[in-house]
Amino acid sequence: MARAGSSNEMAAGSLDFRCVAIEDFALNSGDAPFDIAFAMRVGALDGRHPEASQAALKRIKAALKPGGRLFIDGGDPLKEIELGCGLRS
């Protein structure tokens, strides 16, 4: 649904979507870093597994521009995760 409703933005190169397991997530060669990431249904970010959470946050942070923002589907409203030096949430 997201891709279908965003075809113009995707064609212009201003929007991209990735659907991948967090442990496999990385930018492809030549990809520009993202401004914003939305993590939907990522078990590693639900707080039950701190070690998996830290690894996931490092992968996401590596794919974001400096100052990039991460939001997760923690209900309504979305929850923003801080990606500062300590990768705290």
N, C-alpha and C. Protein backbone atom coordinates (compact mmCIF):
# COMPACT_ATOMS: atom_id res chain seq x y z
N MET A 1 0.82 -1.18 0.00
CA MET A 1 0.00 0.00 0.00
C MET A 1 0.87 1.26 0.00
N ALA A 2 1.96 1.22 0.78
CA ALA A 2 2.83 2.40 0.84
C ALA A 2 3.44 2.69 -0.52
N ARG A 3 3.93 1.64 -1.18
CA ARG A 3 4.52 1.84 -2.51
C ARG A 3 3.49 2.32 -3.52
N ALA A 4 2.30 1.74 -3.48
CA ALA A 4 1.26 2.11 -4.44
C ALA A 4 0.85 3.56 -4.27
N GLY A 5 0.84 4.05 -3.07
CA GLY A 5 0.44 5.43 -2.83
C GLY A 5 1.57 6.43 -2.95
N SER A 6 2.77 5.96 -3.24
CA SER A 6 3.94 6.85 -3.27
C SER A 6 4.73 6.72 -4.56
N SER A 7 4.10 6.29 -5.63
CA SER A 7 4.84 6.03 -6.86
C SER A 7 5.52 7.28 -7.41
N ASN A 8 4.89 8.44 -7.31
CA ASN A 8 5.51 9.67 -7.81
C ASN A 8 6.77 10.01 -7.04
N GLU A 9 6.71 9.91 -5.72
CA GLU A 9 7.87 10.22 -4.88
C GLU A 9 8.99 9.23 -5.11
N MET A 10 8.64 7.96 -5.29
CA MET A 10 9.66 6.95 -5.55
C MET A 10 10.31 7.19 -6.92
N ALA A 11 9.52 7.53 -7.92
CA ALA A 11 10.06 7.79 -9.25
C ALA A 11 10.99 9.00 -9.23
N ALA A 12 10.69 9.99 -8.38
CA ALA A 12 11.52 11.19 -8.27
C ALA A 12 12.77 10.95 -7.43
N GLY A 13 12.84 9.78 -6.79
CA GLY A 13 14.02 9.47 -5.98
C GLY A 13 14.01 10.10 -4.60
N SER A 14 12.86 10.62 -4.16
CA SER A 14 12.80 11.26 -2.85
C SER A 14 12.24 10.35 -1.76
N LEU A 15 11.87 9.12 -2.11
CA LEU A 15 11.29 8.19 -1.15
C LEU A 15 11.65 6.77 -1.55
N ASP A 16 11.96 5.95 -0.55
CA ASP A 16 12.25 4.55 -0.81
C ASP A 16 11.71 3.74 0.36
N PHE A 17 11.40 2.51 0.11
CA PHE A 17 10.91 1.59 1.14
C PHE A 17 11.80 0.36 1.14
N ARG A 18 12.05 -0.18 2.31
CA ARG A 18 12.77 -1.44 2.44
C ARG A 18 11.97 -2.34 3.36
N CYS A 19 11.83 -3.57 2.99
CA CYS A 19 11.18 -4.57 3.83
C CYS A 19 12.20 -5.69 4.00
N VAL A 20 12.84 -5.72 5.18
CA VAL A 20 13.93 -6.65 5.39
C VAL A 20 14.06 -6.95 6.88
N ALA A 21 14.52 -8.13 7.20
CA ALA A 21 14.80 -8.46 8.60
C ALA A 21 15.91 -7.54 9.10
N ILE A 22 15.78 -7.04 10.30
CA ILE A 22 16.74 -6.07 10.82
C ILE A 22 18.16 -6.61 10.85
N GLU A 23 18.31 -7.90 11.10
CA GLU A 23 19.67 -8.46 11.15
C GLU A 23 20.33 -8.49 9.77
N ASP A 24 19.54 -8.30 8.71
CA ASP A 24 20.07 -8.28 7.35
C ASP A 24 20.09 -6.88 6.74
N PHE A 25 19.63 -5.88 7.51
CA PHE A 25 19.47 -4.54 6.95
C PHE A 25 20.80 -3.82 6.78
N ALA A 26 21.01 -3.27 5.61
CA ALA A 26 22.18 -2.43 5.30
C ALA A 26 21.86 -1.68 4.02
N LEU A 27 22.49 -0.53 3.87
CA LEU A 27 22.35 0.19 2.60
C LEU A 27 22.99 -0.62 1.49
N ASN A 28 22.43 -0.54 0.31
CA ASN A 28 23.04 -1.15 -0.85
C ASN A 28 24.16 -0.23 -1.35
N SER A 29 25.10 -0.78 -2.06
CA SER A 29 26.19 0.01 -2.61
C SER A 29 25.62 1.15 -3.44
N GLY A 30 26.07 2.36 -3.16
CA GLY A 30 25.62 3.53 -3.91
C GLY A 30 24.37 4.18 -3.37
N ASP A 31 23.71 3.57 -2.38
CA ASP A 31 22.53 4.17 -1.79
C ASP A 31 22.90 5.36 -0.93
N ALA A 32 22.08 6.38 -0.98
CA ALA A 32 22.25 7.53 -0.10
C ALA A 32 21.60 7.20 1.25
N PRO A 33 22.16 7.72 2.33
CA PRO A 33 21.54 7.49 3.64
C PRO A 33 20.16 8.12 3.71
N PHE A 34 19.34 7.58 4.58
CA PHE A 34 17.97 8.04 4.76
C PHE A 34 17.91 9.19 5.77
N ASP A 35 16.91 10.07 5.60
CA ASP A 35 16.62 11.14 6.56
C ASP A 35 15.81 10.59 7.73
N ILE A 36 14.87 9.71 7.41
CA ILE A 36 13.93 9.17 8.40
C ILE A 36 13.75 7.68 8.13
N ALA A 37 13.65 6.92 9.21
CA ALA A 37 13.34 5.50 9.10
C ALA A 37 12.13 5.20 9.98
N PHE A 38 11.26 4.33 9.49
CA PHE A 38 10.12 3.84 10.24
C PHE A 38 10.29 2.33 10.38
N ALA A 39 10.33 1.85 11.60
CA ALA A 39 10.47 0.42 11.84
C ALA A 39 9.10 -0.13 12.24
N MET A 40 8.59 -1.03 11.45
CA MET A 40 7.27 -1.60 11.71
C MET A 40 7.41 -3.08 12.05
N ARG A 41 6.89 -3.44 13.19
CA ARG A 41 6.90 -4.83 13.66
C ARG A 41 8.31 -5.41 13.73
N VAL A 42 9.21 -4.68 14.39
CA VAL A 42 10.60 -5.13 14.57
C VAL A 42 10.73 -5.62 16.01
N GLY A 43 10.71 -6.93 16.19
CA GLY A 43 10.76 -7.52 17.52
C GLY A 43 11.99 -7.11 18.31
N ALA A 44 13.10 -6.89 17.63
CA ALA A 44 14.34 -6.51 18.31
C ALA A 44 14.23 -5.14 18.97
N LEU A 45 13.22 -4.36 18.62
CA LEU A 45 13.07 -3.02 19.18
C LEU A 45 11.95 -2.92 20.21
N ASP A 46 11.42 -4.07 20.65
CA ASP A 46 10.30 -4.02 21.59
C ASP A 46 10.73 -3.97 23.05
N GLY A 47 12.04 -3.93 23.30
CA GLY A 47 12.55 -3.80 24.65
C GLY A 47 12.80 -5.10 25.40
N ARG A 48 12.41 -6.22 24.85
CA ARG A 48 12.59 -7.50 25.55
C ARG A 48 13.98 -8.09 25.38
N HIS A 49 14.71 -7.65 24.36
CA HIS A 49 16.02 -8.22 24.07
C HIS A 49 17.03 -7.10 23.86
N PRO A 50 17.58 -6.53 24.94
CA PRO A 50 18.46 -5.36 24.83
C PRO A 50 19.65 -5.56 23.89
N GLU A 51 20.24 -6.74 23.87
CA GLU A 51 21.39 -6.98 23.00
C GLU A 51 20.98 -6.91 21.52
N ALA A 52 19.86 -7.52 21.19
CA ALA A 52 19.35 -7.47 19.81
C ALA A 52 18.95 -6.04 19.46
N SER A 53 18.40 -5.33 20.43
CA SER A 53 18.00 -3.94 20.21
C SER A 53 19.21 -3.08 19.87
N GLN A 54 20.29 -3.21 20.61
CA GLN A 54 21.49 -2.42 20.34
C GLN A 54 22.05 -2.72 18.95
N ALA A 55 22.07 -4.00 18.56
CA ALA A 55 22.57 -4.37 17.23
C ALA A 55 21.67 -3.78 16.14
N ALA A 56 20.35 -3.84 16.35
CA ALA A 56 19.41 -3.30 15.37
C ALA A 56 19.57 -1.79 15.24
N LEU A 57 19.69 -1.10 16.37
CA LEU A 57 19.83 0.35 16.34
C LEU A 57 21.13 0.77 15.64
N LYS A 58 22.19 0.02 15.81
CA LYS A 58 23.45 0.33 15.12
C LYS A 58 23.28 0.20 13.61
N ARG A 59 22.57 -0.82 13.15
CA ARG A 59 22.34 -1.01 11.71
C ARG A 59 21.50 0.14 11.14
N ILE A 60 20.47 0.52 11.89
CA ILE A 60 19.61 1.61 11.43
C ILE A 60 20.37 2.92 11.42
N LYS A 61 21.10 3.19 12.50
CA LYS A 61 21.86 4.45 12.59
C LYS A 61 22.85 4.56 11.43
N ALA A 62 23.48 3.45 11.05
CA ALA A 62 24.45 3.45 9.96
C ALA A 62 23.79 3.79 8.61
N ALA A 63 22.48 3.60 8.51
CA ALA A 63 21.77 3.86 7.26
C ALA A 63 21.13 5.24 7.23
N LEU A 64 21.26 6.00 8.32
CA LEU A 64 20.66 7.33 8.40
C LEU A 64 21.70 8.41 8.23
N LYS A 65 21.27 9.54 7.70
CA LYS A 65 22.13 10.73 7.65
C LYS A 65 22.38 11.19 9.09
N PRO A 66 23.45 11.96 9.32
CA PRO A 66 23.62 12.55 10.65
C PRO A 66 22.37 13.35 11.01
N GLY A 67 21.87 13.14 12.20
CA GLY A 67 20.63 13.80 12.61
C GLY A 67 19.38 13.10 12.13
N GLY A 68 19.55 11.96 11.43
CA GLY A 68 18.39 11.21 10.95
C GLY A 68 17.54 10.73 12.11
N ARG A 69 16.27 10.48 11.82
CA ARG A 69 15.33 10.12 12.87
C ARG A 69 14.72 8.74 12.62
N LEU A 70 14.49 8.02 13.73
CA LEU A 70 13.90 6.69 13.68
C LEU A 70 12.60 6.69 14.47
N PHE A 71 11.55 6.18 13.85
CA PHE A 71 10.25 6.03 14.50
C PHE A 71 9.86 4.56 14.45
N ILE A 72 9.23 4.07 15.51
CA ILE A 72 8.74 2.69 15.52
C ILE A 72 7.22 2.71 15.74
N ASP A 73 6.60 1.62 15.34
CA ASP A 73 5.14 1.51 15.47
C ASP A 73 4.78 1.08 16.89
N GLY A 74 4.99 1.98 17.83
CA GLY A 74 4.68 1.71 19.23
C GLY A 74 3.28 2.11 19.62
N GLY A 75 2.40 2.23 18.69
CA GLY A 75 1.03 2.64 18.97
C GLY A 75 0.74 3.99 18.35
N ASP A 76 -0.23 4.67 18.90
CA ASP A 76 -0.62 5.97 18.37
C ASP A 76 -0.38 7.00 19.45
N PRO A 77 0.54 7.89 19.31
CA PRO A 77 1.32 8.20 18.11
C PRO A 77 2.53 7.28 17.98
N LEU A 78 3.23 7.42 16.84
CA LEU A 78 4.48 6.69 16.65
C LEU A 78 5.45 7.08 17.75
N LYS A 79 6.37 6.19 18.08
CA LYS A 79 7.38 6.45 19.10
C LYS A 79 8.71 6.74 18.41
N GLU A 80 9.35 7.85 18.79
CA GLU A 80 10.66 8.16 18.22
C GLU A 80 11.74 7.57 19.12
N ILE A 81 12.73 6.96 18.51
CA ILE A 81 13.87 6.38 19.21
C ILE A 81 15.06 7.32 19.03
N GLU A 82 15.67 7.71 20.11
CA GLU A 82 16.87 8.56 20.06
C GLU A 82 18.06 7.72 19.61
N LEU A 83 18.81 8.21 18.66
CA LEU A 83 19.97 7.50 18.14
C LEU A 83 21.25 8.26 18.43
N GLY A 84 21.35 8.84 19.60
CA GLY A 84 22.53 9.59 19.99
C GLY A 84 23.72 8.69 20.20
N CYS A 85 24.74 9.23 20.79
CA CYS A 85 26.01 8.52 21.00
C CYS A 85 25.82 7.19 21.69
N GLY A 86 24.96 7.14 22.71
CA GLY A 86 24.76 5.92 23.47
C GLY A 86 23.70 5.01 22.90
N LEU A 87 23.09 5.39 21.80
CA LEU A 87 22.03 4.62 21.17
C LEU A 87 20.92 4.29 22.15
N ARG A 88 20.59 5.23 23.01
CA ARG A 88 19.53 5.00 23.99
C ARG A 88 18.18 5.06 23.30
N SER A 89 17.22 4.38 23.88
CA SER A 89 15.84 4.49 23.40
C SER A 89 14.99 5.06 24.51
